[in-house]
Amino acid sequence: MTNRPLNRFERRKQRTREQLKQAALNLILEKGYDAVSVQDITDRADLGRGTFYVHFADKEDLIWSALREGFEVVNEAMMNDYEHEQSPRLEYLIWRRMFEYAGENRALYKVMLAGQGSGPLADRVQSYFASEVEAQVTSGRCFVNFTPPAPYIAQFVSGAIVRMLTWWLNVPNDYTPRQMAGFFYEMIFHQPPPDP
């Protein structure tokens, strides 16, 4: 099935949303989450406040939209790249990619997860991770020999991963994404991580 091309109205709508998201992300990286207002975002994007509210409910909605899109791109790539991997190696590879992505986007993750951002936004990030873990557990791809119910595993793993990402980004250390994923793997599976 092919996607139909966007018409001019849809392309303009998509460009406007991208302008707003990019303006918001740039401002948040410059000033911090709390210091940025909707007016700041619309001024930076050179768009009106009414245009903002056509696309987003509030600042948090806009930022979450941008974050979720990034997560979805990474998640889709992981599922394609690791299509033939099996548990528990699959979990290790996913965690390694998550730490790599966070490392590549360190400044944004610090603002969103590390106490400089919105608590509800951090909760949305964890909920997103939990839903992805639960889907993988339910499908039989991850944590195949674990007996707790899928929602329990999802909440446990997502809570731990968000906490470890936050700690890794905030506390001065020299741990690489590979090391962080390896430590996490050892804590969950009680064995050394598989060779990549």
C-alpha atoms as a PDB file:
ATOM      1  CA  MET A   1       0.000   0.000   0.000  1.00  0.00           C
ATOM      2  CA  THR A   2       1.446   3.374  -1.004  1.00  0.00           C
ATOM      3  CA  ASN A   3       0.909   6.609   0.837  1.00  0.00           C
ATOM      4  CA  ARG A   4      -0.810   9.242  -1.218  1.00  0.00           C
ATOM      5  CA  PRO A   5       1.131  12.485  -1.667  1.00  0.00           C
ATOM      6  CA  LEU A   6       0.178  15.351   0.604  1.00  0.00           C
ATOM      7  CA  ASN A   7      -1.804  18.180  -0.925  1.00  0.00           C
ATOM      8  CA  ARG A   8      -0.669  21.786  -0.592  1.00  0.00           C
ATOM      9  CA  PHE A   9      -2.797  22.429   2.520  1.00  0.00           C
ATOM     10  CA  GLU A  10      -1.408  19.315   4.249  1.00  0.00           C
ATOM     11  CA  ARG A  11       2.167  20.240   3.335  1.00  0.00           C
ATOM     12  CA  ARG A  12       1.678  23.760   4.705  1.00  0.00           C
ATOM     13  CA  LYS A  13       0.144  22.370   7.900  1.00  0.00           C
ATOM     14  CA  GLN A  14       3.081  19.973   8.299  1.00  0.00           C
ATOM     15  CA  ARG A  15       5.615  22.798   7.729  1.00  0.00           C
ATOM     16  CA  THR A  16       3.874  24.990  10.315  1.00  0.00           C
ATOM     17  CA  ARG A  17       3.928  22.204  12.903  1.00  0.00           C
ATOM     18  CA  GLU A  18       7.620  21.608  12.199  1.00  0.00           C
ATOM     19  CA  GLN A  19       8.379  25.335  12.536  1.00  0.00           C
ATOM     20  CA  LEU A  20       6.674  25.431  15.916  1.00  0.00           C
ATOM     21  CA  LYS A  21       8.386  22.259  17.153  1.00  0.00           C
ATOM     22  CA  GLN A  22      11.831  23.387  16.042  1.00  0.00           C
ATOM     23  CA  ALA A  23      11.345  26.842  17.580  1.00  0.00           C
ATOM     24  CA  ALA A  24      10.206  25.288  20.868  1.00  0.00           C
ATOM     25  CA  LEU A  25      13.064  22.785  21.041  1.00  0.00           C
ATOM     26  CA  ASN A  26      15.669  25.445  20.264  1.00  0.00           C
ATOM     27  CA  LEU A  27      14.253  27.805  22.887  1.00  0.00           C
ATOM     28  CA  ILE A  28      14.043  25.101  25.539  1.00  0.00           C
ATOM     29  CA  LEU A  29      17.661  24.156  24.931  1.00  0.00           C
ATOM     30  CA  GLU A  30      18.636  27.832  25.200  1.00  0.00           C
ATOM     31  CA  LYS A  31      16.474  28.935  28.142  1.00  0.00           C
ATOM     32  CA  GLY A  32      15.128  25.825  29.882  1.00  0.00           C
ATOM     33  CA  TYR A  33      11.626  24.395  29.809  1.00  0.00           C
ATOM     34  CA  ASP A  34      10.001  26.644  32.423  1.00  0.00           C
ATOM     35  CA  ALA A  35      11.397  29.864  30.960  1.00  0.00           C
ATOM     36  CA  VAL A  36       9.791  29.333  27.544  1.00  0.00           C
ATOM     37  CA  SER A  37       6.263  30.556  26.871  1.00  0.00           C
ATOM     38  CA  VAL A  38       3.907  29.960  23.963  1.00  0.00           C
ATOM     39  CA  GLN A  39       4.500  33.585  22.982  1.00  0.00           C
ATOM     40  CA  ASP A  40       8.266  32.956  22.859  1.00  0.00           C
ATOM     41  CA  ILE A  41       7.679  29.964  20.600  1.00  0.00           C
ATOM     42  CA  THR A  42       5.377  31.789  18.207  1.00  0.00           C
ATOM     43  CA  ASP A  43       7.725  34.787  18.095  1.00  0.00           C
ATOM     44  CA  ARG A  44      10.686  32.526  17.252  1.00  0.00           C
ATOM     45  CA  ALA A  45       8.660  30.661  14.604  1.00  0.00           C
ATOM     46  CA  ASP A  46       7.296  33.984  13.271  1.00  0.00           C
ATOM     47  CA  LEU A  47       3.731  32.696  13.578  1.00  0.00           C
ATOM     48  CA  GLY A  48       0.678  33.916  15.460  1.00  0.00           C
ATOM     49  CA  ARG A  49      -0.589  32.541  18.771  1.00  0.00           C
ATOM     50  CA  GLY A  50      -3.824  31.503  17.064  1.00  0.00           C
ATOM     51  CA  THR A  51      -1.809  29.370  14.655  1.00  0.00           C
ATOM     52  CA  PHE A  52      -0.112  27.695  17.616  1.00  0.00           C
ATOM     53  CA  TYR A  53      -3.445  26.709  19.162  1.00  0.00           C
ATOM     54  CA  VAL A  54      -4.722  25.320  15.857  1.00  0.00           C
ATOM     55  CA  HIS A  55      -1.949  22.722  16.081  1.00  0.00           C
ATOM     56  CA  PHE A  56      -1.250  22.202  19.798  1.00  0.00           C
ATOM     57  CA  ALA A  57      -3.169  22.464  23.058  1.00  0.00           C
ATOM     58  CA  ASP A  58      -0.229  23.943  24.988  1.00  0.00           C
ATOM     59  CA  LYS A  59       3.565  23.965  25.244  1.00  0.00           C
ATOM     60  CA  GLU A  60       3.680  20.492  26.773  1.00  0.00           C
ATOM     61  CA  ASP A  61       1.561  19.071  23.951  1.00  0.00           C
ATOM     62  CA  LEU A  62       3.949  20.561  21.388  1.00  0.00           C
ATOM     63  CA  ILE A  63       7.088  19.268  23.122  1.00  0.00           C
ATOM     64  CA  TRP A  64       5.585  15.837  23.662  1.00  0.00           C
ATOM     65  CA  SER A  65       4.657  15.687  19.973  1.00  0.00           C
ATOM     66  CA  ALA A  66       8.270  16.420  19.005  1.00  0.00           C
ATOM     67  CA  LEU A  67       9.682  13.904  21.491  1.00  0.00           C
ATOM     68  CA  ARG A  68       7.219  11.182  20.542  1.00  0.00           C
ATOM     69  CA  GLU A  69       8.063  11.541  16.854  1.00  0.00           C
ATOM     70  CA  GLY A  70      11.747  11.119  17.640  1.00  0.00           C
ATOM     71  CA  PHE A  71      11.050   8.062  19.791  1.00  0.00           C
ATOM     72  CA  GLU A  72       8.866   6.537  17.075  1.00  0.00           C
ATOM     73  CA  VAL A  73      11.559   6.962  14.417  1.00  0.00           C
ATOM     74  CA  VAL A  74      14.151   5.300  16.665  1.00  0.00           C
ATOM     75  CA  ASN A  75      11.724   2.546  17.684  1.00  0.00           C
ATOM     76  CA  GLU A  76      10.812   1.737  14.088  1.00  0.00           C
ATOM     77  CA  ALA A  77      14.489   1.590  13.114  1.00  0.00           C
ATOM     78  CA  MET A  78      15.243  -0.712  16.059  1.00  0.00           C
ATOM     79  CA  MET A  79      12.421  -3.078  15.229  1.00  0.00           C
ATOM     80  CA  ASN A  80      13.644  -3.258  11.619  1.00  0.00           C
ATOM     81  CA  ASP A  81      17.310  -3.637  12.566  1.00  0.00           C
ATOM     82  CA  TYR A  82      16.612  -6.243  15.235  1.00  0.00           C
ATOM     83  CA  GLU A  83      13.806  -8.105  13.475  1.00  0.00           C
ATOM     84  CA  HIS A  84      15.604 -11.451  13.771  1.00  0.00           C
ATOM     85  CA  GLU A  85      17.070 -10.970  17.248  1.00  0.00           C
ATOM     86  CA  GLN A  86      15.663 -12.928  20.155  1.00  0.00           C
ATOM     87  CA  SER A  87      15.359 -12.372  23.878  1.00  0.00           C
ATOM     88  CA  PRO A  88      17.438 -11.633  25.891  1.00  0.00           C
ATOM     89  CA  ARG A  89      19.950 -10.303  23.331  1.00  0.00           C
ATOM     90  CA  LEU A  90      17.133  -8.212  21.834  1.00  0.00           C
ATOM     91  CA  GLU A  91      16.587  -6.380  25.117  1.00  0.00           C
ATOM     92  CA  TYR A  92      20.294  -5.575  25.376  1.00  0.00           C
ATOM     93  CA  LEU A  93      20.396  -4.166  21.824  1.00  0.00           C
ATOM     94  CA  ILE A  94      17.291  -2.057  22.463  1.00  0.00           C
ATOM     95  CA  TRP A  95      18.732  -0.636  25.688  1.00  0.00           C
ATOM     96  CA  ARG A  96      22.041   0.114  24.011  1.00  0.00           C
ATOM     97  CA  ARG A  97      20.244   2.016  21.238  1.00  0.00           C
ATOM     98  CA  MET A  98      18.196   3.914  23.843  1.00  0.00           C
ATOM     99  CA  PHE A  99      21.333   5.046  25.676  1.00  0.00           C
ATOM    100  CA  GLU A 100      22.986   5.966  22.371  1.00  0.00           C
ATOM    101  CA  TYR A 101      19.978   8.067  21.364  1.00  0.00           C
ATOM    102  CA  ALA A 102      19.895   9.769  24.753  1.00  0.00           C
ATOM    103  CA  GLY A 103      23.632  10.453  24.494  1.00  0.00           C
ATOM    104  CA  GLU A 104      23.215  11.962  21.024  1.00  0.00           C
ATOM    105  CA  ASN A 105      20.394  14.151  22.357  1.00  0.00           C
ATOM    106  CA  ARG A 106      21.889  14.722  25.800  1.00  0.00           C
ATOM    107  CA  ALA A 107      20.932  18.379  26.148  1.00  0.00           C
ATOM    108  CA  LEU A 108      17.284  17.724  25.304  1.00  0.00           C
ATOM    109  CA  TYR A 109      17.070  14.669  27.560  1.00  0.00           C
ATOM    110  CA  LYS A 110      18.587  16.631  30.430  1.00  0.00           C
ATOM    111  CA  VAL A 111      15.918  19.276  30.054  1.00  0.00           C
ATOM    112  CA  MET A 112      13.097  16.755  29.716  1.00  0.00           C
ATOM    113  CA  LEU A 113      14.086  14.131  32.310  1.00  0.00           C
ATOM    114  CA  ALA A 114      16.669  15.604  34.608  1.00  0.00           C
ATOM    115  CA  GLY A 115      14.705  18.003  36.761  1.00  0.00           C
ATOM    116  CA  GLN A 116      14.923  20.977  34.398  1.00  0.00           C
ATOM    117  CA  GLY A 117      11.685  20.157  32.592  1.00  0.00           C
ATOM    118  CA  SER A 118       8.080  19.286  33.189  1.00  0.00           C
ATOM    119  CA  GLY A 119       7.111  16.507  35.600  1.00  0.00           C
ATOM    120  CA  PRO A 120       4.045  15.555  33.533  1.00  0.00           C
ATOM    121  CA  LEU A 121       6.222  15.469  30.412  1.00  0.00           C
ATOM    122  CA  ALA A 122       8.681  13.107  32.119  1.00  0.00           C
ATOM    123  CA  ASP A 123       5.682  10.948  33.077  1.00  0.00           C
ATOM    124  CA  ARG A 124       4.616  10.859  29.420  1.00  0.00           C
ATOM    125  CA  VAL A 125       8.101   9.714  28.425  1.00  0.00           C
ATOM    126  CA  GLN A 126       7.986   6.888  30.951  1.00  0.00           C
ATOM    127  CA  SER A 127       4.449   5.929  29.893  1.00  0.00           C
ATOM    128  CA  TYR A 128       5.585   5.792  26.272  1.00  0.00           C
ATOM    129  CA  PHE A 129       8.498   3.518  27.180  1.00  0.00           C
ATOM    130  CA  ALA A 130       6.167   1.345  29.277  1.00  0.00           C
ATOM    131  CA  SER A 131       3.694   0.935  26.420  1.00  0.00           C
ATOM    132  CA  GLU A 132       6.513  -0.097  24.071  1.00  0.00           C
ATOM    133  CA  VAL A 133       7.893  -2.624  26.573  1.00  0.00           C
ATOM    134  CA  GLU A 134       4.422  -4.022  27.226  1.00  0.00           C
ATOM    135  CA  ALA A 135       3.805  -4.440  23.493  1.00  0.00           C
ATOM    136  CA  GLN A 136       7.078  -6.358  23.109  1.00  0.00           C
ATOM    137  CA  VAL A 137       6.330  -8.564  26.131  1.00  0.00           C
ATOM    138  CA  THR A 138       2.771  -9.251  24.948  1.00  0.00           C
ATOM    139  CA  SER A 139       4.015 -10.147  21.462  1.00  0.00           C
ATOM    140  CA  GLY A 140       6.414 -12.676  22.978  1.00  0.00           C
ATOM    141  CA  ARG A 141       9.557 -10.919  21.763  1.00  0.00           C
ATOM    142  CA  CYS A 142      10.963  -9.645  25.067  1.00  0.00           C
ATOM    143  CA  PHE A 143      11.269 -11.069  28.578  1.00  0.00           C
ATOM    144  CA  VAL A 144      10.030 -14.427  27.283  1.00  0.00           C
ATOM    145  CA  ASN A 145      10.926 -16.435  30.399  1.00  0.00           C
ATOM    146  CA  PHE A 146       9.542 -13.919  32.901  1.00  0.00           C
ATOM    147  CA  THR A 147       6.398 -14.813  34.824  1.00  0.00           C
ATOM    148  CA  PRO A 148       5.062 -11.440  36.076  1.00  0.00           C
ATOM    149  CA  PRO A 149       2.264  -9.966  33.942  1.00  0.00           C
ATOM    150  CA  ALA A 150       3.269  -7.785  30.982  1.00  0.00           C
ATOM    151  CA  PRO A 151       2.035  -4.509  32.581  1.00  0.00           C
ATOM    152  CA  TYR A 152       4.159  -5.173  35.685  1.00  0.00           C
ATOM    153  CA  ILE A 153       7.278  -5.896  33.626  1.00  0.00           C
ATOM    154  CA  ALA A 154       6.623  -2.796  31.516  1.00  0.00           C
ATOM    155  CA  GLN A 155       6.271  -0.487  34.529  1.00  0.00           C
ATOM    156  CA  PHE A 156       9.314  -1.951  36.269  1.00  0.00           C
ATOM    157  CA  VAL A 157      11.609  -1.776  33.247  1.00  0.00           C
ATOM    158  CA  SER A 158      10.436   1.643  32.032  1.00  0.00           C
ATOM    159  CA  GLY A 159      10.750   3.152  35.513  1.00  0.00           C
ATOM    160  CA  ALA A 160      14.253   1.757  35.900  1.00  0.00           C
ATOM    161  CA  ILE A 161      15.392   2.848  32.443  1.00  0.00           C
ATOM    162  CA  VAL A 162      14.084   6.405  32.891  1.00  0.00           C
ATOM    163  CA  ARG A 163      15.789   6.633  36.283  1.00  0.00           C
ATOM    164  CA  MET A 164      19.079   5.312  34.882  1.00  0.00           C
ATOM    165  CA  LEU A 165      18.923   7.694  31.913  1.00  0.00           C
ATOM    166  CA  THR A 166      18.301  10.580  34.303  1.00  0.00           C
ATOM    167  CA  TRP A 167      21.182   9.543  36.575  1.00  0.00           C
ATOM    168  CA  TRP A 168      23.543   8.980  33.639  1.00  0.00           C
ATOM    169  CA  LEU A 169      22.785  12.417  32.187  1.00  0.00           C
ATOM    170  CA  ASN A 170      22.976  14.291  35.502  1.00  0.00           C
ATOM    171  CA  VAL A 171      25.845  12.726  37.390  1.00  0.00           C
ATOM    172  CA  PRO A 172      29.350  13.266  36.026  1.00  0.00           C
ATOM    173  CA  ASN A 173      30.606   9.908  34.765  1.00  0.00           C
ATOM    174  CA  ASP A 174      32.482   8.390  31.850  1.00  0.00           C
ATOM    175  CA  TYR A 175      30.132   5.479  31.180  1.00  0.00           C
ATOM    176  CA  THR A 176      29.427   4.858  27.519  1.00  0.00           C
ATOM    177  CA  PRO A 177      25.974   3.934  26.200  1.00  0.00           C
ATOM    178  CA  ARG A 178      27.271   0.377  25.714  1.00  0.00           C
ATOM    179  CA  GLN A 179      28.403   0.190  29.342  1.00  0.00           C
ATOM    180  CA  MET A 180      25.113   1.595  30.627  1.00  0.00           C
ATOM    181  CA  ALA A 181      23.136  -0.926  28.580  1.00  0.00           C
ATOM    182  CA  GLY A 182      25.444  -3.677  29.805  1.00  0.00           C
ATOM    183  CA  PHE A 183      24.987  -2.716  33.461  1.00  0.00           C
ATOM    184  CA  PHE A 184      21.232  -2.591  32.979  1.00  0.00           C
ATOM    185  CA  TYR A 185      21.255  -5.994  31.298  1.00  0.00           C
ATOM    186  CA  GLU A 186      23.259  -7.521  34.149  1.00  0.00           C
ATOM    187  CA  MET A 187      20.848  -6.123  36.738  1.00  0.00           C
ATOM    188  CA  ILE A 188      17.818  -7.554  34.932  1.00  0.00           C
ATOM    189  CA  PHE A 189      19.142 -10.831  33.549  1.00  0.00           C
ATOM    190  CA  HIS A 190      21.864 -11.597  36.118  1.00  0.00           C
ATOM    191  CA  GLN A 191      24.453 -12.432  33.494  1.00  0.00           C
ATOM    192  CA  PRO A 192      27.056 -10.553  31.456  1.00  0.00           C
ATOM    193  CA  PRO A 193      25.651  -8.780  28.392  1.00  0.00           C
ATOM    194  CA  PRO A 194      25.871 -10.578  25.051  1.00  0.00           C
ATOM    195  CA  ASP A 195      28.534  -9.535  22.601  1.00  0.00           C
ATOM    196  CA  PRO A 196      27.065  -7.007  20.177  1.00  0.00           C
END
